[in-house]
Protein backbone atom coordinates (compact mmCIF):
# COMPACT_ATOMS: atom_id res chain seq x y z
CA MET A 1 -92.39 -47.78 21.17
CA THR A 2 -93.26 -49.87 18.04
CA ASP A 3 -92.18 -47.01 16.22
CA SER A 4 -88.91 -46.60 17.53
CA ARG A 5 -88.53 -50.48 16.88
CA ASN A 6 -89.28 -49.51 13.03
CA ARG A 7 -86.79 -46.78 12.81
CA SER A 8 -84.04 -49.44 13.97
CA ARG A 9 -84.68 -51.83 11.73
CA ASN A 10 -84.48 -49.71 8.88
CA VAL A 11 -81.72 -48.18 9.44
CA VAL A 12 -79.78 -51.45 10.00
CA THR A 13 -80.96 -52.83 6.84
CA LEU A 14 -79.94 -49.98 5.50
CA THR A 15 -76.56 -50.00 6.98
CA LEU A 16 -76.50 -53.88 5.59
CA VAL A 17 -77.24 -52.61 1.90
CA LEU A 18 -74.60 -50.17 2.04
CA ALA A 19 -71.98 -52.31 3.45
CA ALA A 20 -72.95 -55.04 1.10
CA VAL A 21 -72.84 -52.87 -2.29
CA VAL A 22 -68.77 -51.34 -0.95
CA PHE A 23 -67.86 -54.92 -0.08
CA GLY A 24 -68.88 -56.02 -3.60
CA MET A 25 -67.44 -53.10 -5.48
CA VAL A 26 -63.97 -54.05 -3.55
CA LEU A 27 -64.21 -57.61 -4.52
CA ALA A 28 -65.06 -56.63 -8.32
CA GLY A 29 -61.89 -54.43 -8.55
CA GLY A 30 -59.84 -56.91 -6.83
CA LEU A 31 -60.83 -59.70 -9.33
CA ASP A 32 -60.71 -57.03 -12.29
CA VAL A 33 -64.46 -58.07 -13.17
CA THR A 34 -65.30 -54.38 -13.85
CA PRO A 35 -63.07 -53.19 -17.70
CA ARG A 36 -60.91 -50.09 -16.91
CA GLY A 37 -62.71 -47.25 -18.62
CA ASP A 38 -58.92 -46.35 -20.47
CA THR A 39 -60.55 -45.61 -23.57
CA ALA A 40 -56.92 -43.63 -24.92
CA THR A 41 -55.36 -47.33 -24.22
CA TYR A 42 -57.85 -49.29 -26.55
CA ALA A 43 -57.46 -46.65 -29.27
CA LYS A 44 -54.27 -46.66 -29.50
CA ALA A 45 -54.28 -50.74 -29.59
CA ALA A 46 -56.42 -50.00 -33.11
CA VAL A 47 -53.96 -47.98 -34.65
CA GLU A 48 -50.81 -49.91 -33.69
CA VAL A 49 -51.94 -53.22 -33.62
CA VAL A 50 -49.57 -55.46 -35.48
CA PRO A 51 -51.29 -58.36 -37.68
CA GLY A 52 -51.34 -61.28 -36.53
CA SER A 53 -50.66 -60.68 -32.85
CA ILE A 54 -52.68 -61.68 -30.19
CA GLY A 55 -54.08 -59.00 -27.26
CA ASN A 56 -56.16 -59.51 -24.02
CA GLY A 57 -59.20 -58.15 -25.96
CA LEU A 58 -60.69 -56.35 -28.73
CA PRO A 59 -59.34 -53.17 -29.56
CA SER A 60 -61.56 -50.00 -30.48
CA PHE A 61 -61.34 -48.66 -33.60
CA ALA A 62 -62.55 -45.14 -32.91
CA ASP A 63 -59.25 -43.30 -33.77
CA LEU A 64 -58.89 -45.13 -37.25
CA ALA A 65 -62.52 -44.27 -38.16
CA GLU A 66 -61.75 -40.93 -36.82
CA ALA A 67 -58.46 -40.43 -39.01
CA VAL A 68 -59.76 -42.12 -42.49
CA GLU A 69 -63.36 -40.66 -42.60
CA PRO A 70 -62.67 -37.42 -43.62
CA ALA A 71 -61.47 -38.39 -47.08
CA VAL A 72 -64.26 -40.68 -47.52
CA VAL A 73 -67.04 -39.35 -49.98
CA SER A 74 -70.23 -39.92 -50.77
CA ILE A 75 -71.20 -39.95 -54.65
CA ALA A 76 -74.89 -39.19 -56.43
CA ALA A 77 -75.02 -40.04 -59.70
CA SER A 78 -77.89 -38.82 -61.78
CA THR A 79 -79.00 -40.09 -65.15
CA PHE A 80 -82.02 -38.52 -67.33
CA GLN A 81 -83.93 -40.39 -70.23
CA THR A 82 -86.90 -40.00 -72.16
CA ALA A 83 -89.30 -42.44 -72.04
CA ARG A 84 -92.92 -43.49 -73.41
CA ARG A 85 -95.44 -42.40 -70.99
CA ARG A 86 -97.23 -45.51 -69.25
CA GLN A 87 -101.33 -45.48 -69.72
CA GLY A 88 -103.54 -46.86 -67.23
CA ILE A 89 -103.24 -49.16 -64.19
CA ASP A 90 -101.25 -52.03 -63.38
CA PRO A 91 -103.51 -54.44 -61.61
CA PHE A 92 -100.41 -55.79 -59.87
CA GLU A 93 -99.60 -52.55 -58.43
CA PHE A 94 -103.11 -51.67 -57.32
CA PHE A 95 -103.11 -54.78 -55.11
CA PHE A 96 -99.50 -55.36 -53.98
CA GLY A 97 -97.80 -51.44 -54.41
CA PRO A 98 -95.27 -50.32 -57.06
CA ARG A 99 -92.97 -53.12 -58.80
CA ARG A 100 -89.32 -52.22 -58.58
CA ARG A 101 -88.37 -49.84 -60.74
CA GLY A 102 -85.16 -47.65 -62.24
CA PRO A 103 -86.23 -45.00 -63.29
CA GLN A 104 -88.62 -42.39 -61.61
CA PRO A 105 -90.39 -39.56 -63.38
CA GLU A 106 -89.62 -36.27 -62.34
CA GLN A 107 -92.50 -34.14 -61.46
CA GLU A 108 -92.39 -31.71 -64.59
CA GLN A 109 -93.26 -33.41 -67.80
CA GLU A 110 -92.00 -32.70 -71.23
CA GLU A 111 -94.43 -31.77 -73.43
CA GLY A 112 -95.15 -34.35 -76.42
CA GLU A 113 -97.03 -37.36 -77.59
CA GLY A 114 -96.93 -39.97 -74.99
CA GLU A 115 -93.14 -38.70 -73.68
CA GLN A 116 -92.59 -38.38 -70.00
CA ARG A 117 -89.08 -37.50 -68.89
CA PHE A 118 -87.20 -39.54 -66.09
CA ARG A 119 -84.44 -38.93 -63.63
CA SER A 120 -83.04 -42.06 -62.07
CA GLU A 121 -81.08 -41.51 -59.08
CA SER A 122 -78.40 -44.10 -57.23
CA GLY A 123 -75.05 -43.61 -56.16
CA GLY A 124 -72.25 -44.59 -54.12
CA SER A 125 -68.99 -44.26 -52.28
CA GLY A 126 -65.38 -43.34 -52.97
CA PHE A 127 -62.28 -42.30 -51.01
CA LEU A 128 -59.63 -39.01 -51.95
CA ILE A 129 -56.21 -39.85 -53.01
CA SER A 130 -54.68 -36.69 -53.73
CA PRO A 131 -54.97 -33.43 -52.05
CA ASP A 132 -55.75 -31.84 -55.06
CA GLY A 133 -59.54 -33.87 -55.48
CA LEU A 134 -58.54 -36.65 -57.21
CA ILE A 135 -61.30 -39.93 -56.08
CA VAL A 136 -61.21 -43.76 -56.46
CA THR A 137 -64.52 -45.31 -56.89
CA ASN A 138 -66.27 -48.30 -58.48
CA ASN A 139 -66.72 -47.57 -62.30
CA HIS A 140 -70.35 -48.98 -62.17
CA VAL A 141 -70.98 -46.17 -59.69
CA VAL A 142 -70.72 -43.79 -62.35
CA ARG A 143 -71.63 -45.24 -65.59
CA GLU A 144 -73.70 -43.81 -67.54
CA ALA A 145 -74.31 -40.85 -65.44
CA ASP A 146 -75.20 -37.64 -66.80
CA GLN A 147 -74.33 -35.68 -63.56
CA LEU A 148 -72.03 -36.96 -60.52
CA THR A 149 -72.10 -35.08 -57.69
CA VAL A 150 -69.60 -35.57 -54.56
CA ILE A 151 -70.69 -35.27 -50.72
CA LEU A 152 -67.64 -33.95 -48.31
CA GLY A 153 -68.90 -33.48 -45.44
CA ASP A 154 -71.28 -30.62 -45.27
CA ARG A 155 -69.84 -29.75 -48.82
CA ARG A 156 -71.12 -30.50 -52.05
CA TYR A 157 -68.77 -30.62 -55.41
CA GLU A 158 -69.63 -31.22 -59.10
CA ALA A 159 -67.49 -33.80 -60.27
CA GLU A 160 -65.90 -34.90 -63.57
CA VAL A 161 -65.14 -38.27 -64.80
CA LYS A 162 -61.47 -38.48 -65.26
CA GLY A 163 -60.88 -41.79 -66.32
CA THR A 164 -62.61 -45.45 -66.05
CA ASP A 165 -61.58 -49.14 -66.10
CA PRO A 166 -64.65 -51.40 -66.73
CA ALA A 167 -61.91 -54.52 -66.87
CA THR A 168 -61.74 -53.97 -62.97
CA ASP A 169 -64.52 -52.26 -62.11
CA LEU A 170 -62.78 -48.76 -60.71
CA ALA A 171 -62.95 -45.08 -61.81
CA LEU A 172 -61.12 -42.07 -61.35
CA LEU A 173 -62.87 -38.63 -60.63
CA LYS A 174 -61.88 -35.03 -59.79
CA ILE A 175 -63.57 -32.21 -57.96
CA ASP A 176 -62.33 -28.70 -57.60
CA ALA A 177 -61.92 -27.96 -53.44
CA GLY A 178 -60.63 -24.75 -53.99
CA GLU A 179 -58.00 -26.07 -51.27
CA GLU A 180 -56.23 -28.67 -49.85
CA LEU A 181 -57.83 -32.14 -48.70
CA ASP A 182 -57.66 -34.96 -46.64
CA TYR A 183 -56.23 -37.62 -48.59
CA LEU A 184 -55.71 -41.90 -47.94
CA ARG A 185 -52.73 -43.74 -48.82
CA LEU A 186 -52.32 -46.81 -51.14
CA GLY A 187 -51.30 -50.04 -49.03
CA ASP A 188 -49.69 -53.32 -49.98
CA SER A 189 -52.79 -55.24 -50.49
CA GLU A 190 -50.39 -58.39 -51.73
CA ALA A 191 -48.83 -58.28 -47.96
CA VAL A 192 -52.56 -58.77 -46.65
CA ARG A 193 -53.58 -62.08 -45.05
CA VAL A 194 -56.50 -63.73 -44.34
CA GLY A 195 -57.35 -62.75 -40.78
CA ASP A 196 -56.34 -59.52 -40.68
CA TRP A 197 -58.28 -57.19 -39.44
CA VAL A 198 -59.77 -54.86 -42.08
CA MET A 199 -62.59 -51.44 -42.09
CA ALA A 200 -64.78 -50.60 -44.73
CA ILE A 201 -65.80 -46.62 -45.13
CA GLY A 202 -69.07 -45.46 -47.58
CA SER A 203 -72.38 -44.88 -47.25
CA PRO A 204 -74.53 -47.61 -47.40
CA LEU A 205 -78.33 -47.30 -48.36
CA ALA A 206 -77.39 -43.64 -48.35
CA LEU A 207 -76.49 -43.48 -44.76
CA GLU A 208 -73.26 -41.76 -44.92
CA HIS A 209 -69.89 -42.42 -43.33
CA THR A 210 -71.08 -45.59 -42.13
CA VAL A 211 -68.41 -47.83 -39.77
CA THR A 212 -68.05 -51.64 -40.36
CA VAL A 213 -65.23 -53.80 -39.00
CA GLY A 214 -64.13 -57.50 -39.72
CA VAL A 215 -61.32 -59.57 -41.15
CA VAL A 216 -60.13 -60.55 -44.63
CA SER A 217 -62.27 -63.64 -45.56
CA ALA A 218 -60.33 -65.41 -48.43
CA LYS A 219 -57.89 -63.65 -51.34
CA GLY A 220 -57.83 -64.03 -55.20
CA ARG A 221 -61.67 -64.82 -55.44
CA GLN A 222 -63.13 -64.58 -58.84
CA LEU A 223 -66.83 -64.22 -59.04
CA GLY A 224 -67.54 -63.91 -62.69
CA ILE A 225 -69.06 -60.69 -62.61
CA SER A 226 -66.19 -58.62 -64.45
CA GLU A 227 -63.42 -59.17 -66.82
CA ALA A 228 -62.21 -62.79 -65.44
CA SER A 229 -58.27 -62.22 -66.12
CA PHE A 230 -58.59 -59.26 -63.81
CA GLU A 231 -60.58 -60.56 -60.87
CA ASN A 232 -58.88 -60.99 -57.74
CA PHE A 233 -61.13 -59.94 -55.33
CA ILE A 234 -60.27 -59.68 -51.73
CA GLN A 235 -63.46 -61.48 -49.35
CA THR A 236 -64.70 -59.74 -46.11
CA ASP A 237 -66.64 -60.14 -43.59
CA ALA A 238 -66.78 -56.34 -43.14
CA ALA A 239 -70.81 -55.42 -43.70
CA ILE A 240 -70.70 -54.15 -47.01
CA ASN A 241 -74.12 -53.26 -48.74
CA PHE A 242 -75.74 -50.94 -51.22
CA GLY A 243 -74.18 -47.74 -51.50
CA ASN A 244 -70.80 -49.03 -50.07
CA SER A 245 -69.69 -49.68 -53.57
CA GLY A 246 -66.29 -47.56 -54.36
CA GLY A 247 -65.50 -46.79 -50.90
CA PRO A 248 -62.34 -47.94 -48.88
CA LEU A 249 -61.31 -50.91 -47.45
CA VAL A 250 -58.28 -49.99 -45.03
CA ASN A 251 -55.83 -51.86 -42.77
CA LEU A 252 -55.27 -50.95 -39.30
CA ARG A 253 -52.82 -48.19 -40.24
CA GLY A 254 -55.34 -46.54 -41.81
CA GLU A 255 -53.84 -47.42 -45.09
CA VAL A 256 -56.48 -48.58 -48.27
CA VAL A 257 -56.13 -52.07 -49.08
CA GLY A 258 -59.16 -52.67 -51.44
CA ILE A 259 -61.88 -51.03 -52.94
CA ASN A 260 -65.67 -52.14 -51.81
CA THR A 261 -67.24 -53.45 -54.99
CA ALA A 262 -69.85 -56.48 -54.44
CA ILE A 263 -71.44 -58.57 -52.38
CA ASN A 264 -72.85 -61.70 -52.17
CA PHE A 265 -76.77 -61.26 -52.05
CA GLY A 266 -77.00 -64.62 -50.25
CA ALA A 267 -75.37 -64.45 -47.22
CA GLU A 268 -74.53 -62.37 -44.92
CA ASN A 269 -71.56 -60.28 -44.16
CA ILE A 270 -69.49 -61.78 -47.33
CA GLY A 271 -68.23 -58.92 -49.30
CA PHE A 272 -65.94 -58.07 -52.15
CA ALA A 273 -62.82 -55.60 -52.79
CA VAL A 274 -60.71 -54.61 -55.78
CA PRO A 275 -57.22 -54.89 -54.40
CA ALA A 276 -55.15 -51.76 -54.25
CA ASP A 277 -52.55 -53.49 -55.94
CA THR A 278 -54.84 -53.27 -58.88
CA LEU A 279 -55.51 -49.98 -58.39
CA LYS A 280 -51.68 -48.76 -58.61
CA GLN A 281 -50.98 -50.49 -62.06
CA ILE A 282 -54.01 -48.96 -63.79
CA LEU A 283 -53.61 -45.66 -61.73
CA PRO A 284 -51.31 -43.77 -64.00
CA GLN A 285 -53.09 -44.63 -67.03
CA LEU A 286 -56.28 -43.15 -65.58
CA ARG A 287 -55.01 -39.91 -64.63
CA GLU A 288 -52.92 -39.24 -68.20
CA THR A 289 -55.07 -40.76 -70.38
CA GLY A 290 -58.56 -41.50 -69.03
CA ARG A 291 -58.77 -45.35 -70.07
CA VAL A 292 -56.67 -48.27 -69.95
CA THR A 293 -54.89 -50.12 -72.35
CA ARG A 294 -52.90 -53.78 -71.67
CA GLY A 295 -50.56 -55.96 -73.63
CA TYR A 296 -52.44 -58.97 -74.83
CA LEU A 297 -51.05 -62.36 -75.74
CA GLY A 298 -54.44 -63.98 -77.46
CA ILE A 299 -54.66 -67.18 -75.24
CA GLU A 300 -56.94 -68.64 -72.81
CA VAL A 301 -54.48 -70.50 -69.94
CA GLY A 302 -55.64 -72.34 -66.87
CA ASN A 303 -53.52 -73.50 -63.53
CA LEU A 304 -51.81 -77.22 -63.46
CA ASP A 305 -52.79 -79.67 -61.05
CA PHE A 306 -51.16 -82.96 -60.38
CA LYS A 307 -52.65 -84.98 -62.98
CA ASP A 308 -51.63 -81.95 -65.50
CA ALA A 309 -47.91 -82.01 -64.57
CA GLU A 310 -47.65 -85.79 -64.19
CA ALA A 311 -49.02 -85.59 -68.29
CA PHE A 312 -47.10 -83.19 -69.55
CA GLY A 313 -43.95 -84.54 -68.06
CA LEU A 314 -43.67 -81.61 -65.31
CA GLY A 315 -41.90 -81.85 -62.47
CA SER A 316 -44.40 -79.49 -60.25
CA THR A 317 -47.64 -77.50 -60.85
CA ASP A 318 -45.71 -74.56 -61.92
CA GLY A 319 -46.67 -73.01 -65.18
CA ALA A 320 -49.15 -71.90 -67.12
CA LEU A 321 -51.19 -74.12 -69.40
CA VAL A 322 -52.22 -72.48 -72.85
CA GLN A 323 -55.91 -74.45 -73.46
CA ALA A 324 -56.53 -72.43 -76.45
CA VAL A 325 -54.85 -69.96 -78.88
CA ARG A 326 -57.03 -67.14 -80.55
CA GLU A 327 -56.79 -66.81 -84.24
CA ASP A 328 -54.55 -63.93 -85.62
CA GLY A 329 -53.50 -63.38 -82.38
CA PRO A 330 -50.23 -62.23 -81.50
CA ALA A 331 -49.48 -65.85 -79.84
CA GLU A 332 -50.70 -67.35 -83.06
CA ASN A 333 -48.30 -65.51 -85.04
CA ALA A 334 -45.55 -65.94 -82.92
CA GLY A 335 -46.38 -70.15 -82.88
CA LEU A 336 -47.51 -70.34 -79.58
CA ARG A 337 -49.75 -74.02 -79.84
CA HIS A 338 -52.34 -74.91 -77.45
CA GLY A 339 -50.44 -77.68 -75.04
CA ASP A 340 -47.61 -75.40 -74.58
CA VAL A 341 -47.15 -75.01 -70.74
CA ILE A 342 -45.56 -71.18 -70.33
CA LEU A 343 -43.00 -71.36 -67.67
CA LYS A 344 -41.15 -67.84 -67.67
CA VAL A 345 -41.98 -64.68 -69.46
CA ASP A 346 -39.18 -62.15 -69.72
CA ASP A 347 -37.41 -62.60 -66.67
CA VAL A 348 -40.79 -63.30 -64.77
CA GLU A 349 -41.19 -66.90 -63.24
CA VAL A 350 -44.69 -68.36 -64.09
CA GLU A 351 -46.02 -70.19 -61.07
CA GLU A 352 -49.97 -69.82 -61.70
CA THR A 353 -51.85 -67.76 -64.45
CA ARG A 354 -51.98 -65.01 -62.61
CA ASP A 355 -48.23 -64.35 -62.46
CA LEU A 356 -48.40 -64.17 -66.39
CA ILE A 357 -51.87 -62.36 -66.97
CA ASP A 358 -50.45 -59.68 -64.27
CA TYR A 359 -46.88 -59.31 -66.18
CA VAL A 360 -48.58 -59.39 -69.80
CA SER A 361 -51.35 -56.74 -68.68
CA SER A 362 -49.07 -54.24 -66.84
CA LEU A 363 -47.04 -53.49 -70.26
CA PRO A 364 -47.81 -51.57 -73.20
CA PRO A 365 -49.19 -52.80 -76.36
CA GLY A 366 -46.24 -53.57 -79.06
CA THR A 367 -44.00 -54.49 -76.28
CA ALA A 368 -42.09 -57.78 -76.82
CA VAL A 369 -41.68 -60.38 -74.49
CA SER A 370 -40.01 -63.55 -74.19
CA VAL A 371 -42.00 -66.95 -73.38
CA GLU A 372 -40.51 -69.76 -71.94
CA VAL A 373 -42.72 -72.71 -72.60
CA LEU A 374 -42.42 -76.71 -72.31
CA ARG A 375 -43.48 -78.09 -75.66
CA ASP A 376 -43.71 -82.12 -76.10
CA GLY A 377 -41.36 -82.45 -73.14
CA GLU A 378 -38.78 -79.74 -74.49
CA ARG A 379 -38.26 -76.25 -73.62
CA GLU A 380 -38.33 -73.61 -76.00
CA THR A 381 -38.34 -69.74 -76.18
CA VAL A 382 -41.17 -67.34 -78.11
CA ARG A 383 -40.70 -64.18 -78.99
CA VAL A 384 -44.15 -62.24 -79.03
CA GLU A 385 -44.61 -58.79 -79.67
CA LEU A 386 -47.92 -58.00 -77.90
CA GLY A 387 -51.41 -56.41 -78.85
CA GLU A 388 -54.25 -54.74 -77.57
CA ARG A 389 -56.62 -56.03 -75.77
CA PRO A 390 -59.60 -56.08 -77.65
CA GLY A 391 -62.47 -54.66 -76.50
CA ASP A 392 -60.73 -52.40 -74.10
CA PRO A 393 -62.10 -50.77 -71.96
CA ALA A 394 -64.87 -54.02 -71.94
CA THR A 395 -68.29 -53.76 -69.66
CA PRO A 396 -67.97 -55.61 -66.51
CA GLU A 397 -70.86 -57.77 -67.71
CA GLU A 398 -68.82 -59.47 -70.76
CA ALA A 399 -67.25 -61.75 -68.75
CA PRO A 400 -64.69 -63.77 -71.57
CA GLY A 401 -66.71 -67.11 -72.94
CA GLU A 402 -70.04 -66.35 -71.71
CA ALA A 403 -72.55 -65.92 -75.04
CA GLN A 404 -74.00 -62.61 -74.93
CA GLY A 405 -76.40 -60.72 -77.54
CA GLY A 406 -79.06 -58.46 -78.29
CA ILE A 407 -82.41 -57.78 -80.40
CA ASP A 408 -83.06 -54.10 -81.54
CA TRP A 409 -86.47 -53.88 -81.67
CA LEU A 410 -86.90 -55.64 -78.03
CA GLY A 411 -84.11 -52.96 -76.71
CA LEU A 412 -82.58 -55.59 -74.88
CA GLN A 413 -78.66 -56.55 -74.26
CA TYR A 414 -78.52 -60.16 -72.81
CA GLN A 415 -76.17 -62.92 -71.68
CA ASN A 416 -75.73 -66.63 -70.49
CA LEU A 417 -76.41 -66.82 -66.65
CA THR A 418 -72.74 -67.93 -64.97
CA GLN A 419 -72.38 -68.97 -61.59
CA GLY A 420 -70.89 -65.75 -60.06
CA LEU A 421 -74.43 -64.00 -61.68
CA ARG A 422 -76.24 -66.55 -60.02
CA GLN A 423 -74.23 -65.85 -56.34
CA MET A 424 -73.94 -62.42 -56.86
CA HIS A 425 -78.15 -61.78 -57.50
CA GLY A 426 -79.49 -64.73 -55.78
CA ILE A 427 -80.35 -66.92 -58.51
CA PRO A 428 -80.90 -70.36 -57.85
CA GLU A 429 -79.76 -73.03 -59.42
CA ARG A 430 -82.85 -74.86 -60.76
CA ALA A 431 -83.79 -71.32 -62.50
CA GLU A 432 -82.52 -71.38 -66.14
CA GLY A 433 -82.64 -68.46 -69.09
CA VAL A 434 -81.08 -65.54 -70.43
CA TRP A 435 -80.34 -62.65 -67.98
CA ILE A 436 -81.08 -58.84 -68.87
CA THR A 437 -77.95 -57.05 -68.67
CA GLU A 438 -79.55 -53.59 -70.61
CA ILE A 439 -83.00 -52.38 -71.44
CA GLU A 440 -83.88 -49.06 -73.51
CA PRO A 441 -86.49 -46.91 -71.84
CA ASP A 442 -88.46 -47.41 -75.38
CA SER A 443 -88.40 -51.01 -75.46
CA PRO A 444 -91.80 -52.28 -75.38
CA LEU A 445 -90.75 -54.88 -72.87
CA TRP A 446 -90.00 -51.66 -70.44
CA ASP A 447 -94.09 -50.88 -70.64
CA GLU A 448 -94.22 -54.45 -69.50
CA GLN A 449 -92.52 -53.49 -66.31
CA VAL A 450 -89.62 -55.71 -67.51
CA ARG A 451 -86.16 -54.53 -65.95
CA ALA A 452 -82.45 -55.05 -65.79
CA GLY A 453 -81.54 -57.90 -63.72
CA ASP A 454 -84.66 -59.77 -64.95
CA LEU A 455 -84.57 -63.43 -66.05
CA ILE A 456 -86.73 -64.69 -69.21
CA ALA A 457 -87.10 -68.11 -69.07
CA GLU A 458 -89.85 -68.68 -71.69
CA VAL A 459 -90.79 -67.64 -75.16
CA ASN A 460 -94.54 -69.14 -75.78
CA GLY A 461 -94.37 -71.47 -73.32
CA GLN A 462 -91.40 -72.55 -74.21
CA THR A 463 -88.29 -73.00 -72.26
CA VAL A 464 -84.99 -70.95 -72.60
CA GLY A 465 -81.87 -72.51 -71.93
CA ALA A 466 -79.22 -70.06 -73.55
CA VAL A 467 -78.99 -67.43 -75.54
CA GLU A 468 -79.14 -68.98 -79.07
CA GLY A 469 -82.07 -70.85 -78.15
CA PHE A 470 -83.85 -67.42 -76.95
CA GLU A 471 -82.95 -65.44 -80.35
CA ARG A 472 -84.01 -68.69 -82.05
CA LEU A 473 -87.81 -68.54 -80.56
CA VAL A 474 -88.03 -64.56 -80.94
CA GLU A 475 -87.00 -65.42 -84.97
CA GLU A 476 -89.12 -68.10 -85.40
CA ALA A 477 -92.36 -66.24 -83.84
CA PRO A 478 -94.36 -64.60 -87.19
CA SER A 479 -94.33 -60.40 -87.64
CA GLY A 480 -97.62 -59.34 -86.01
CA SER A 481 -97.66 -62.08 -83.48
CA TYR A 482 -97.51 -61.30 -79.97
CA ILE A 483 -94.87 -63.09 -78.10
CA ARG A 484 -94.82 -64.23 -75.15
CA PHE A 485 -91.95 -63.33 -72.63
CA TYR A 486 -92.06 -65.31 -68.83
CA VAL A 487 -90.02 -63.33 -66.92
CA GLN A 488 -89.04 -64.00 -63.22
CA ARG A 489 -87.36 -61.75 -60.89
CA PHE A 490 -85.40 -62.91 -58.11
CA ASP A 491 -85.56 -61.37 -54.60
CA PRO A 492 -81.93 -62.17 -53.68
CA ARG A 493 -82.16 -62.80 -50.09
CA SER A 494 -85.00 -65.40 -49.91
CA GLY A 495 -84.49 -66.72 -53.75
CA ARG A 496 -87.94 -66.39 -54.21
CA ALA A 497 -89.35 -65.35 -57.82
CA ILE A 498 -92.00 -63.06 -58.47
CA SER A 499 -92.97 -64.52 -62.04
CA PHE A 500 -95.16 -62.48 -65.00
CA PHE A 501 -96.02 -62.89 -68.24
CA ALA A 502 -94.72 -59.84 -70.96
CA PRO A 503 -96.86 -60.37 -74.13
CA VAL A 504 -95.27 -58.13 -77.07
CA ARG A 505 -95.94 -57.63 -80.44
CA LYS A 506 -93.40 -58.32 -83.14
CA PRO A 507 -92.74 -56.30 -85.72
């Protein structure tokens, strides 16, 4: 009897549970709480969404990623060097593990006294822009590489460098696949608006074909890491990391609007891309000659604010104020002066300095241009024959106006700290010194574990404020004496420094 009652209660309980479940499903469906599983609808929205439109929810980016991914490549760059073999054990490494290093030794060593063969491996991303194998990437990905390998899916190709432009940190490679390849179209980066959706694809930290999505956070950023005149970065919060360099930043139509180039170490999801329009301007020269030459006026210009406009008798802030004229340059030879306000060049109205820079740099050296200026309240027209920008191609570290130098016996190249370097490498404002841009493998400081990217803060106990002070302190040290270099290496995420002394005997 008891068993019969228990069975009855169990049946009733089960019936109530099933009824509750059915009622809940009906209610949820009626209220549209459970999202419909129509993935095709969301994928379609990702491709057809119009910038600025508002939908009922976020689109899926799957179709976009699937369409773009076959044209994105990984790039492996190998550099071979010979350096003196390190003797003994570093006590720091004994207790804390190996320091950060550039080159790593190959398994086999060359025969010879105190010499060892090193192979440095680095990498980045890129994307195809033509079916015959032309690939765009960053110049810093391929710079000084002895061997370049392009990985496309499960295939590997040896790559040839067709052209480089350090001033914009762009490079053009070529592979021979023996067949037509998928490629990406270049979009209109000028039309991109802050808030537009963008997708970055690349190989961060060697993780091939990683997709990240975000929006355009800002435009026209200048960081001080390359040729200042040409810096016009697109800022995005789509995650960009080491290895993304050279990969595409695409809009929702799958068009490349930027080339991922840099990140801010001190922040999360603040990345920067070279605009696709910059690539369009230099691409013909990279294809045909392998380098880029630009028209050059030989002036330093700045934008006007309202105070400037009033002081120079202008009705608006349109124009480019000539702050300095370089000696023996085209502008000086044509009679331009500091204090002139450039209002027009040929038929191009100059509203800000970028209008002037972009137009002049798009012309070949030797072109004659008409420059309309406001001078002492009067408009004048000056005819200038453009020269060739000195130092083209320049290196990305050579920001105009920033002191640089090198000491041969130390095997060092260095420069003053800039705000851009501080931001990009996580160097706090309190830190002072000279920033090492290059160090030779046979440098005596190399044996003391000093590397490019380190900061020399003191020489023989005296603070180093700038390049001139650093060189003076090294020069004053007597020959045959030890020079004590105090070196700092900053963690870009925390801003904390590893500090150590690097004593070197001066020859």
